[in-house]
Amino acid sequence: MMSEQQLSFGPGRQLEYIDYLDALADFLLEFQNVPTVKQKISLAQQSVRAINQGLYPPTLHAMEITSDDILAVQAAILARYPNDPEHGNQVWADQREALEQVDYCLQNIRDEFIEDFNMYAYLTPQFLTALSQYLNGRPILEIMAGQGYLSAGLQALQPNQKLYVTDNQDWLNQPITAVQPVIDVESLSALEAIERYGTEVEVVLMSWAPDTSEIDWQVLQLLRQKYPTLEFLVIGERDGATDSRTFWQNAKLKDLTAINATRPQFDLIDEKIYRVQ
C-alpha cells in the first residue's frame, strides 16, 4: 500500500498522554495475531497521533468490527488451541468482550477527534487536495470555521490563496475542552462575515453547522437574496448530525462526487461536501 502524502496545519497539541491511545495500545497487543483487527486499531492510532503532531490524518475506511473480523479472531484461537477446546472457549469469551470494547472505540473515533482536538469534519490530505484543486485559487470566505482546520489545510496547499476565516465560537458552549485555533480566526458571526466579505470572495465554505440552530438557513437565504453569484459549499451530513432540518429541506444540493470519493464513510456519520443553491 502506498503511503499517503503528509500535510501539516501547525505544531499540533503534542499531548504526552491520550486516554484513547492508551486503550488502543492494550487492544493492539491482544489482537496482534489477527491482521484485520490489528490493521483497524493501528489506523486509528495513526490518525490520532497525526493530529496530535499537527498533521492531517490518513484516510479511514469502515472502522467497525465486522463478522469477518469475528471469524478471524475465532480462527486464530482455534489455530492456537486446536486440541484444547475448553481453554479456547475461555479465551474466546475474554476476547469477545474485548472485541466489543474495540468496536466501541473504533466506531466512536470521531469523538476523540472532537474532544482532544476540536476537529469535527474529518479532513485528510487527499480530501483537502481535491478541494483545493476544485477551488483553483479563488478567494474564499469560511464561516463557522471552528478552530480553522479546513482553511489551514487549504492555505498549506495554496499559500497565496485569499482566505477569510471566521467564527464567533458559539459552539464552545458544548461540553468540550477548547483548543487553540490552528489558523487566525476572525470573530464574526456567519451573517456578519458574509456582509463584510461577500463582495471580496467567490466562494463561501461552511462546515459542520449545528443541527440545533437555523443559522444555516439564514445564511442560505442571505446568499440567495444578496450574493447570488457566490458559490456556496457545505460539508455535513444530509438530514443527519449536522445542519438544521429546515436547511436540508430547502437547499438545492449537488454532490461533489469526485471530492467525496477521496474520503469514504468510516463511522455512522455520512459527511459529504455539497454545492448548495
Protein backbone atom coordinates (compact mmCIF):
# COMPACT_ATOMS: atom_id res chain seq x y z
CA MET A 1 0.00 0.00 0.00
CA MET A 2 1.35 3.41 -0.95
CA SER A 3 1.87 5.84 1.88
CA GLU A 4 -0.35 8.90 1.88
CA GLN A 5 1.01 12.39 1.46
CA GLN A 6 1.66 14.45 4.56
CA LEU A 7 0.11 17.86 5.10
CA SER A 8 0.63 19.97 8.21
CA PHE A 9 -1.62 22.50 9.91
CA GLY A 10 0.96 23.53 12.51
CA PRO A 11 2.72 22.14 15.57
CA GLY A 12 -0.30 20.24 16.94
CA ARG A 13 -1.13 19.89 20.60
CA GLN A 14 1.73 17.45 21.29
CA LEU A 15 -0.16 15.83 24.16
CA GLU A 16 2.09 13.45 26.06
CA TYR A 17 -0.76 11.20 27.16
CA ILE A 18 -4.05 10.44 25.41
CA ASP A 19 -6.51 8.05 27.06
CA TYR A 20 -7.79 6.83 23.72
CA LEU A 21 -4.32 5.82 22.53
CA ASP A 22 -3.62 4.07 25.81
CA ALA A 23 -6.72 1.92 25.39
CA LEU A 24 -5.86 1.13 21.77
CA ALA A 25 -2.33 0.05 22.76
CA ASP A 26 -3.78 -2.63 25.04
CA PHE A 27 -6.13 -3.85 22.31
CA LEU A 28 -3.31 -3.94 19.77
CA LEU A 29 -1.38 -6.34 22.00
CA GLU A 30 -4.41 -8.53 22.49
CA PHE A 31 -5.20 -8.82 18.78
CA GLN A 32 -1.71 -8.68 17.30
CA ASN A 33 -2.24 -12.08 15.66
CA VAL A 34 -5.45 -11.03 13.89
CA PRO A 35 -4.37 -8.89 10.92
CA THR A 36 -7.75 -7.36 10.06
CA VAL A 37 -8.40 -6.19 13.61
CA LYS A 38 -4.79 -5.14 14.12
CA GLN A 39 -4.94 -3.02 10.95
CA LYS A 40 -8.02 -1.11 12.11
CA ILE A 41 -6.53 -0.45 15.55
CA SER A 42 -3.23 0.67 14.00
CA LEU A 43 -5.00 3.02 11.60
CA ALA A 44 -6.95 4.58 14.47
CA GLN A 45 -3.67 5.11 16.33
CA GLN A 46 -2.06 6.70 13.27
CA SER A 47 -4.98 9.11 12.87
CA VAL A 48 -4.91 10.36 16.45
CA ARG A 49 -1.12 10.60 16.54
CA ALA A 50 -1.06 12.53 13.28
CA ILE A 51 -3.49 15.19 14.51
CA ASN A 52 -1.64 15.43 17.82
CA GLN A 53 1.57 16.11 15.87
CA GLY A 54 0.00 18.75 13.63
CA LEU A 55 -0.64 16.57 10.57
CA TYR A 56 -3.88 15.90 8.76
CA PRO A 57 -4.85 12.27 9.36
CA PRO A 58 -4.87 9.39 6.86
CA THR A 59 -7.92 8.13 5.03
CA LEU A 60 -10.12 5.89 7.14
CA HIS A 61 -12.46 3.18 5.91
CA ALA A 62 -15.28 1.42 7.76
CA MET A 63 -13.90 1.05 11.27
CA GLU A 64 -16.45 -1.22 12.92
CA ILE A 65 -15.67 -4.81 13.86
CA THR A 66 -17.34 -6.96 11.22
CA SER A 67 -18.49 -10.57 11.17
CA ASP A 68 -15.36 -11.37 9.15
CA ASP A 69 -13.22 -9.87 11.92
CA ILE A 70 -15.01 -12.04 14.47
CA LEU A 71 -14.41 -15.15 12.35
CA ALA A 72 -10.74 -14.20 12.05
CA VAL A 73 -10.42 -13.96 15.83
CA GLN A 74 -12.11 -17.33 16.26
CA ALA A 75 -9.84 -18.88 13.63
CA ALA A 76 -6.76 -17.52 15.39
CA ILE A 77 -7.91 -19.00 18.69
CA LEU A 78 -8.65 -22.37 17.07
CA ALA A 79 -5.20 -22.41 15.46
CA ARG A 80 -3.62 -21.65 18.81
CA TYR A 81 -5.58 -24.25 20.80
CA PRO A 82 -6.54 -26.97 18.30
CA ASN A 83 -6.58 -29.72 20.93
CA ASP A 84 -7.76 -27.75 23.94
CA PRO A 85 -11.34 -26.58 23.23
CA GLU A 86 -12.03 -25.75 26.87
CA HIS A 87 -9.12 -23.33 27.03
CA GLY A 88 -10.00 -21.98 23.59
CA ASN A 89 -13.58 -21.30 24.65
CA GLN A 90 -12.38 -19.36 27.68
CA VAL A 91 -10.02 -17.27 25.54
CA TRP A 92 -12.86 -16.59 23.10
CA ALA A 93 -15.13 -15.45 25.95
CA ASP A 94 -12.46 -12.96 27.02
CA GLN A 95 -11.69 -11.76 23.51
CA ARG A 96 -15.35 -11.42 22.58
CA GLU A 97 -15.73 -8.89 25.38
CA ALA A 98 -12.55 -7.13 24.29
CA LEU A 99 -13.82 -7.03 20.69
CA GLU A 100 -16.95 -5.24 21.85
CA GLN A 101 -14.75 -2.62 23.51
CA VAL A 102 -12.58 -2.30 20.39
CA ASP A 103 -15.68 -1.88 18.25
CA TYR A 104 -16.94 0.90 20.52
CA CYS A 105 -13.59 2.71 20.41
CA LEU A 106 -13.26 2.46 16.64
CA GLN A 107 -16.81 3.47 15.84
CA ASN A 108 -16.55 6.47 18.15
CA ILE A 109 -13.14 7.68 16.99
CA ARG A 110 -14.69 10.97 15.85
CA ASP A 111 -15.49 11.73 19.49
CA GLU A 112 -11.75 11.56 20.17
CA PHE A 113 -11.02 13.97 17.31
CA ILE A 114 -13.58 16.39 18.73
CA GLU A 115 -12.76 16.12 22.42
CA ASP A 116 -8.97 16.38 22.24
CA PHE A 117 -8.57 18.45 19.06
CA ASN A 118 -11.93 20.13 18.28
CA MET A 119 -11.79 18.59 14.79
CA TYR A 120 -15.35 17.88 13.63
CA ALA A 121 -15.08 17.34 9.87
CA TYR A 122 -12.58 14.59 9.09
CA LEU A 123 -10.03 16.27 6.84
CA THR A 124 -7.43 14.16 5.07
CA PRO A 125 -4.65 15.34 2.74
CA GLN A 126 -6.46 13.68 -0.18
CA PHE A 127 -9.75 15.43 0.55
CA LEU A 128 -8.09 18.81 1.05
CA THR A 129 -6.02 18.44 -2.12
CA ALA A 130 -9.10 17.58 -4.18
CA LEU A 131 -10.99 20.52 -2.69
CA SER A 132 -8.07 22.88 -3.26
CA GLN A 133 -7.86 21.83 -6.91
CA TYR A 134 -11.60 22.40 -7.29
CA LEU A 135 -11.33 25.87 -5.75
CA ASN A 136 -8.47 26.67 -8.11
CA GLY A 137 -7.09 29.59 -6.12
CA ARG A 138 -10.36 31.52 -5.91
CA PRO A 139 -10.80 33.85 -2.88
CA ILE A 140 -12.64 32.11 -0.06
CA LEU A 141 -14.72 33.03 2.97
CA GLU A 142 -15.07 30.31 5.56
CA ILE A 143 -17.91 30.81 8.06
CA MET A 144 -18.37 28.79 11.25
CA ALA A 145 -14.72 27.79 10.86
CA GLY A 146 -14.24 26.40 14.37
CA GLN A 147 -10.54 26.10 15.05
CA GLY A 148 -9.71 26.61 11.39
CA TYR A 149 -8.61 23.15 10.26
CA LEU A 150 -10.29 23.42 6.86
CA SER A 151 -8.81 26.79 5.91
CA ALA A 152 -5.42 25.88 7.36
CA GLY A 153 -5.25 22.91 5.03
CA LEU A 154 -6.24 24.98 2.01
CA GLN A 155 -3.65 27.61 2.94
CA ALA A 156 -0.94 24.96 3.29
CA LEU A 157 -1.71 23.81 -0.26
CA GLN A 158 -2.16 27.29 -1.76
CA PRO A 159 -0.22 29.81 0.40
CA ASN A 160 -1.20 32.75 -1.84
CA GLN A 161 -4.92 31.98 -1.88
CA LYS A 162 -7.03 34.69 -0.23
CA LEU A 163 -8.84 33.23 2.76
CA TYR A 164 -11.12 34.97 5.24
CA VAL A 165 -11.57 32.63 8.20
CA THR A 166 -14.38 33.50 10.62
CA ASP A 167 -16.23 32.06 13.60
CA ASN A 168 -17.98 33.59 16.61
CA GLN A 169 -17.31 30.48 18.74
CA ASP A 170 -20.93 29.91 19.73
CA TRP A 171 -20.15 26.19 19.56
CA LEU A 172 -17.86 26.46 22.60
CA ASN A 173 -20.96 26.15 24.77
CA GLN A 174 -20.64 22.42 24.17
CA PRO A 175 -19.03 20.35 26.96
CA ILE A 176 -15.60 20.01 25.35
CA THR A 177 -12.20 21.50 26.09
CA ALA A 178 -11.41 24.30 23.64
CA VAL A 179 -8.00 24.17 21.97
CA GLN A 180 -6.14 26.95 20.21
CA PRO A 181 -7.15 27.67 16.59
CA VAL A 182 -4.65 26.34 14.06
CA ILE A 183 -5.01 29.47 11.92
CA ASP A 184 -6.05 33.06 12.66
CA VAL A 185 -9.85 33.08 13.02
CA GLU A 186 -11.69 36.39 12.96
CA SER A 187 -14.50 36.68 15.50
CA LEU A 188 -17.56 37.21 13.32
CA SER A 189 -20.92 35.52 13.12
CA ALA A 190 -21.76 33.82 9.84
CA LEU A 191 -24.11 36.60 8.73
CA GLU A 192 -21.67 39.35 9.75
CA ALA A 193 -18.87 37.65 7.84
CA ILE A 194 -20.91 37.38 4.66
CA GLU A 195 -21.94 41.03 4.84
CA ARG A 196 -18.31 42.09 5.42
CA TYR A 197 -16.57 39.91 2.84
CA GLY A 198 -19.31 38.86 0.42
CA THR A 199 -18.12 41.22 -2.30
CA GLU A 200 -14.47 40.20 -1.93
CA VAL A 201 -14.75 36.44 -2.43
CA GLU A 202 -16.06 33.94 -4.94
CA VAL A 203 -16.76 31.01 -2.65
CA VAL A 204 -18.29 30.59 0.83
CA LEU A 205 -17.39 27.47 2.83
CA MET A 206 -19.47 26.18 5.73
CA SER A 207 -18.55 23.02 7.60
CA TRP A 208 -20.49 21.18 10.29
CA ALA A 209 -23.08 23.82 11.05
CA PRO A 210 -25.03 22.87 14.21
CA ASP A 211 -28.28 20.93 13.97
CA THR A 212 -29.64 22.91 16.91
CA SER A 213 -29.93 26.25 15.10
CA GLU A 214 -31.31 27.55 11.82
CA ILE A 215 -28.40 29.91 11.25
CA ASP A 216 -27.51 27.80 8.21
CA TRP A 217 -30.92 28.50 6.69
CA GLN A 218 -30.45 32.21 7.41
CA VAL A 219 -27.08 32.04 5.64
CA LEU A 220 -28.62 30.38 2.60
CA GLN A 221 -31.38 32.97 2.42
CA LEU A 222 -28.87 35.83 2.67
CA LEU A 223 -26.72 34.35 -0.10
CA ARG A 224 -29.73 33.83 -2.35
CA GLN A 225 -31.04 37.34 -1.80
CA LYS A 226 -27.89 39.48 -1.82
CA TYR A 227 -24.99 37.37 -3.13
CA PRO A 228 -26.49 35.00 -5.72
CA THR A 229 -23.26 34.72 -7.70
CA LEU A 230 -21.24 33.31 -4.80
CA GLU A 231 -20.63 29.57 -4.83
CA PHE A 232 -21.72 28.03 -1.53
CA LEU A 233 -20.01 24.80 -0.43
CA VAL A 234 -21.23 22.89 2.61
CA ILE A 235 -19.61 19.98 4.46
CA GLY A 236 -22.02 17.97 6.58
CA GLU A 237 -24.36 15.01 6.83
CA ARG A 238 -27.58 15.46 4.93
CA ASP A 239 -30.60 15.02 7.21
CA GLY A 240 -28.26 13.81 9.94
CA ALA A 241 -25.74 15.01 12.51
CA THR A 242 -25.17 18.49 11.06
CA ASP A 243 -27.22 21.48 9.96
CA SER A 244 -30.89 22.17 10.56
CA ARG A 245 -33.80 20.25 9.10
CA THR A 246 -35.05 23.49 7.53
CA PHE A 247 -31.74 23.93 5.74
CA TRP A 248 -31.75 20.45 4.23
CA GLN A 249 -35.40 20.77 3.23
CA ASN A 250 -34.78 24.00 1.32
CA ALA A 251 -31.26 23.57 -0.02
CA LYS A 252 -30.70 22.57 -3.64
CA LEU A 253 -27.75 20.21 -3.45
CA LYS A 254 -25.15 18.95 -5.86
CA ASP A 255 -22.94 16.17 -4.52
CA LEU A 256 -19.31 16.91 -5.42
CA THR A 257 -18.69 13.24 -6.08
CA ALA A 258 -15.05 13.45 -7.16
CA ILE A 259 -14.05 15.19 -3.93
CA ASN A 260 -16.25 12.94 -1.79
CA ALA A 261 -14.66 9.85 -3.35
CA THR A 262 -11.39 10.75 -1.61
CA ARG A 263 -12.97 10.31 1.83
CA PRO A 264 -15.01 7.12 2.36
CA GLN A 265 -17.52 6.91 5.18
CA PHE A 266 -15.82 5.40 8.23
CA ASP A 267 -18.35 5.85 11.04
CA LEU A 268 -22.09 6.35 11.44
CA ILE A 269 -21.85 9.89 10.03
CA ASP A 270 -22.02 10.09 6.25
CA GLU A 271 -20.42 13.52 5.82
CA LYS A 272 -20.04 14.89 2.32
CA ILE A 273 -19.34 18.16 0.57
CA TYR A 274 -22.13 19.72 -1.47
CA ARG A 275 -22.54 22.70 -3.72
CA VAL A 276 -25.66 24.45 -2.43
CA GLN A 277 -28.04 26.84 -4.14
